[in-house]
Amino acid sequence: MIRHALEQGTREMGLDISGEAIRSFELFADQLKKWNRKINLTTITNDEEIAVKHIIDALMLAGCVRDGERVLDVGSGAGVPAIPLKIVKPSVRVTSVDAVGKKILFQRHVARLLGFRGFEAIHGRVEDLAGIHAHGFDLIVSRAFSRLEQFVGLAAPLLAEDGRLIAMKGPGAADEIRADGERLASLGFEIVSVTPYRLPFNKGERNLIGIAPRKAA
């Protein structure tokens, strides 16, 4: 079922996905459902919703990621977008952080099964990473993690020079952008792009919000 949903959904979105990637996503989905029966990892549990709301949503982000970049996924939960990103962009070095230990254990388990290299799942809070990972990431992403102002404030010390941030948001993004725009400026950042899209099978509207340090006048 998940293979069919992925193949149909990626065609609808104009995304190219290999057979090898689909097999990896099938394994990820299978493990997610197995673990979720014992511990609460996600409320998204049927094949079509896993394919669309977890995997295809993450693939939309993957199109913005450059090969070889160092990416941090903040508040990654059950490994989304971190794990799908690593599957389709193996050259990208992915670090995920989440405060819930069981979710990080799940991510490490999947990473072992898929033989990931250049993937690290950290149990902790993003604000505790600055001592080890200061300015260590080219791209920092979050999905429904917090308001834009809080995300930028926590991520800024971890962002490399010329780095950028992407916040994955739902249909209320426009209101949040209006509310937080001035606050981002006070932090030295600005919104540089907003990319709206609709998930396949009428599963909702999403936005990729690109944020970068403000350029000196």
Protein backbone atom coordinates (compact mmCIF):
# COMPACT_ATOMS: atom_id res chain seq x y z
CA MET A 1 0.00 0.00 0.00
CA ILE A 2 2.71 2.49 0.90
CA ARG A 3 4.55 1.80 -2.35
CA HIS A 4 1.42 2.56 -4.36
CA ALA A 5 0.75 5.76 -2.41
CA LEU A 6 4.35 6.91 -2.83
CA GLU A 7 4.44 6.17 -6.55
CA GLN A 8 1.11 7.86 -7.21
CA GLY A 9 1.76 10.77 -4.87
CA THR A 10 5.25 11.57 -6.17
CA ARG A 11 3.93 11.51 -9.76
CA GLU A 12 1.24 13.99 -8.77
CA MET A 13 3.87 16.27 -7.20
CA GLY A 14 6.30 15.91 -10.11
CA LEU A 15 8.93 14.25 -7.92
CA ASP A 16 11.37 11.60 -9.15
CA ILE A 17 11.98 8.71 -6.76
CA SER A 18 14.06 5.57 -7.29
CA GLY A 19 13.05 2.01 -6.57
CA GLU A 20 15.84 1.78 -4.00
CA ALA A 21 14.48 4.83 -2.17
CA ILE A 22 10.97 3.36 -2.18
CA ARG A 23 12.30 0.16 -0.58
CA SER A 24 14.00 2.24 2.12
CA PHE A 25 10.79 4.18 2.72
CA GLU A 26 8.85 0.92 3.00
CA LEU A 27 11.26 -0.24 5.70
CA PHE A 28 10.98 3.10 7.51
CA ALA A 29 7.17 2.97 7.42
CA ASP A 30 7.08 -0.66 8.56
CA GLN A 31 9.31 0.08 11.54
CA LEU A 32 7.36 3.23 12.37
CA LYS A 33 4.11 1.26 12.57
CA LYS A 34 5.70 -1.54 14.62
CA TRP A 35 7.26 0.82 17.16
CA ASN A 36 4.14 2.96 17.31
CA ARG A 37 2.10 0.02 18.56
CA LYS A 38 4.23 0.02 21.74
CA ILE A 39 5.30 3.64 22.14
CA ASN A 40 3.70 6.82 20.88
CA LEU A 41 5.90 8.16 18.08
CA THR A 42 3.30 9.75 15.80
CA THR A 43 -0.44 10.09 15.33
CA ILE A 44 0.02 9.40 11.60
CA THR A 45 -0.23 5.62 11.33
CA ASN A 46 -1.88 4.48 8.09
CA ASP A 47 0.13 3.86 4.94
CA GLU A 48 -1.31 6.62 2.80
CA GLU A 49 -0.84 9.27 5.48
CA ILE A 50 2.71 8.09 6.28
CA ALA A 51 3.51 8.23 2.56
CA VAL A 52 2.08 11.71 2.10
CA LYS A 53 2.36 13.59 5.40
CA HIS A 54 5.74 12.19 6.43
CA ILE A 55 7.62 11.09 3.33
CA ILE A 56 6.35 13.23 0.43
CA ASP A 57 6.24 16.30 2.66
CA ALA A 58 9.91 15.69 3.51
CA LEU A 59 10.73 15.18 -0.18
CA MET A 60 9.49 18.69 -0.92
CA LEU A 61 12.13 19.95 1.50
CA ALA A 62 14.79 17.69 -0.03
CA GLY A 63 14.52 19.63 -3.27
CA CYS A 64 15.91 22.68 -1.43
CA VAL A 65 18.93 20.85 0.01
CA ARG A 66 22.30 20.94 -1.72
CA ASP A 67 24.55 17.89 -1.95
CA GLY A 68 27.15 17.72 0.81
CA GLU A 69 25.46 20.19 3.13
CA ARG A 70 25.41 19.81 6.90
CA VAL A 71 21.75 19.78 7.94
CA LEU A 72 20.20 19.96 11.40
CA ASP A 73 16.59 18.86 11.93
CA VAL A 74 15.24 20.53 15.08
CA GLY A 75 12.52 18.72 17.01
CA SER A 76 12.66 15.82 14.57
CA GLY A 77 10.22 13.52 16.37
CA ALA A 78 10.09 10.16 14.61
CA GLY A 79 12.77 11.31 12.17
CA VAL A 80 10.90 13.54 9.75
CA PRO A 81 12.24 15.18 7.69
CA ALA A 82 15.69 13.86 8.76
CA ILE A 83 15.33 10.20 7.69
CA PRO A 84 13.55 10.75 4.33
CA LEU A 85 16.08 13.49 3.54
CA LYS A 86 19.00 11.14 4.21
CA ILE A 87 17.42 8.41 2.07
CA VAL A 88 17.19 10.59 -1.03
CA LYS A 89 20.27 12.77 -0.36
CA PRO A 90 22.89 10.32 0.99
CA SER A 91 25.75 12.84 0.58
CA VAL A 92 24.07 15.23 3.01
CA ARG A 93 25.30 15.02 6.60
CA VAL A 94 22.18 14.96 8.74
CA THR A 95 21.91 15.61 12.47
CA SER A 96 18.57 15.40 14.24
CA VAL A 97 17.75 16.52 17.75
CA ASP A 98 14.70 15.79 19.89
CA ALA A 99 14.03 16.02 23.61
CA VAL A 100 12.07 12.71 23.69
CA GLY A 101 14.46 9.79 24.13
CA LYS A 102 12.25 7.06 22.65
CA LYS A 103 11.97 9.01 19.39
CA ILE A 104 15.75 9.29 19.13
CA LEU A 105 16.11 5.56 19.85
CA PHE A 106 13.73 4.87 16.99
CA GLN A 107 15.72 7.08 14.64
CA ARG A 108 18.98 5.36 15.56
CA HIS A 109 17.35 1.97 15.00
CA VAL A 110 16.18 2.91 11.50
CA ALA A 111 19.55 4.48 10.70
CA ARG A 112 21.26 1.18 11.57
CA LEU A 113 18.85 -0.85 9.47
CA LEU A 114 19.37 1.43 6.48
CA GLY A 115 23.14 1.59 6.93
CA PHE A 116 23.29 5.37 7.13
CA ARG A 117 26.65 7.09 7.22
CA GLY A 118 26.82 10.73 8.18
CA PHE A 119 23.66 10.58 10.30
CA GLU A 120 23.50 11.47 14.00
CA ALA A 121 20.41 11.48 16.24
CA ILE A 122 20.90 13.45 19.46
CA HIS A 123 18.72 13.16 22.55
CA GLY A 124 18.56 16.64 23.98
CA ARG A 125 17.39 20.20 23.55
CA VAL A 126 18.51 22.33 20.66
CA GLU A 127 19.69 25.09 23.00
CA ASP A 128 22.21 22.66 24.51
CA LEU A 129 23.99 22.04 21.19
CA ALA A 130 25.80 25.35 20.87
CA GLY A 131 28.78 24.23 22.95
CA ILE A 132 29.65 21.41 20.55
CA HIS A 133 28.00 22.45 17.29
CA ALA A 134 28.34 26.24 17.25
CA HIS A 135 28.08 27.49 13.66
CA GLY A 136 28.20 23.86 12.52
CA PHE A 137 25.29 23.65 10.06
CA ASP A 138 24.72 24.99 6.56
CA LEU A 139 20.98 24.42 6.80
CA ILE A 140 18.73 24.15 9.85
CA VAL A 141 15.17 22.92 9.38
CA SER A 142 12.11 22.41 11.55
CA ARG A 143 8.65 21.02 10.93
CA ALA A 144 5.84 22.39 13.09
CA PHE A 145 8.40 22.86 15.87
CA SER A 146 7.65 26.35 17.17
CA ARG A 147 6.87 29.86 16.06
CA LEU A 148 9.34 31.36 13.60
CA GLU A 149 10.79 33.76 16.18
CA GLN A 150 11.58 30.97 18.65
CA PHE A 151 12.99 28.68 15.95
CA VAL A 152 15.35 31.37 14.67
CA GLY A 153 16.44 32.37 18.17
CA LEU A 154 17.36 28.79 19.06
CA ALA A 155 18.96 27.97 15.70
CA ALA A 156 21.01 31.12 15.14
CA PRO A 157 24.03 30.09 17.28
CA LEU A 158 24.27 26.82 15.31
CA LEU A 159 24.14 28.34 11.84
CA ALA A 160 27.29 28.51 9.73
CA GLU A 161 28.32 31.72 8.01
CA ASP A 162 26.15 32.12 4.89
CA GLY A 163 23.85 29.40 6.26
CA ARG A 164 20.07 29.42 6.05
CA LEU A 165 16.98 28.08 7.76
CA ILE A 166 13.79 26.50 6.44
CA ALA A 167 10.63 26.26 8.53
CA MET A 168 8.03 23.75 7.31
CA LYS A 169 4.62 25.18 8.12
CA GLY A 170 0.95 24.48 7.52
CA PRO A 171 -1.79 26.68 6.07
CA GLY A 172 -1.56 29.33 8.82
CA ALA A 173 1.93 30.38 7.74
CA ALA A 174 0.87 33.78 6.34
CA ASP A 175 -0.48 34.93 9.71
CA GLU A 176 2.68 33.80 11.47
CA ILE A 177 4.90 35.56 8.94
CA ARG A 178 3.01 38.82 9.47
CA ALA A 179 3.20 38.47 13.25
CA ASP A 180 6.86 37.47 13.48
CA GLY A 181 8.46 39.42 10.63
CA GLU A 182 9.59 42.37 12.73
CA ARG A 183 10.81 40.11 15.53
CA LEU A 184 13.00 38.22 13.06
CA ALA A 185 14.53 41.52 11.95
CA SER A 186 15.44 42.27 15.56
CA LEU A 187 17.32 38.95 15.62
CA GLY A 188 19.19 39.90 12.45
CA PHE A 189 17.22 37.61 10.11
CA GLU A 190 14.66 37.99 7.35
CA ILE A 191 12.26 35.81 5.37
CA VAL A 192 13.71 35.36 1.90
CA SER A 193 11.21 32.95 0.33
CA VAL A 194 7.83 31.32 0.87
CA THR A 195 7.05 28.24 -1.22
CA PRO A 196 3.46 27.01 -0.89
CA TYR A 197 2.34 23.58 -2.09
CA ARG A 198 -0.53 21.13 -1.74
CA LEU A 199 0.05 17.58 -0.64
CA PRO A 200 -1.38 14.85 -2.90
CA PHE A 201 -4.74 13.17 -2.24
CA ASN A 202 -6.06 16.45 -0.74
CA LYS A 203 -3.99 15.96 2.40
CA GLY A 204 -3.51 19.65 3.09
CA GLU A 205 -1.57 22.79 2.32
CA ARG A 206 2.05 23.33 3.33
CA ASN A 207 4.70 26.04 3.08
CA LEU A 208 8.48 26.08 3.05
CA ILE A 209 9.63 29.34 4.62
CA GLY A 210 13.21 30.28 3.83
CA ILE A 211 15.00 32.47 6.39
CA ALA A 212 18.50 33.92 6.23
CA PRO A 213 20.67 36.46 8.06
CA ARG A 214 19.95 40.01 6.93
CA LYS A 215 22.54 41.46 4.61
CA ALA A 216 24.31 44.59 5.75
CA ALA A 217 23.10 47.68 3.90
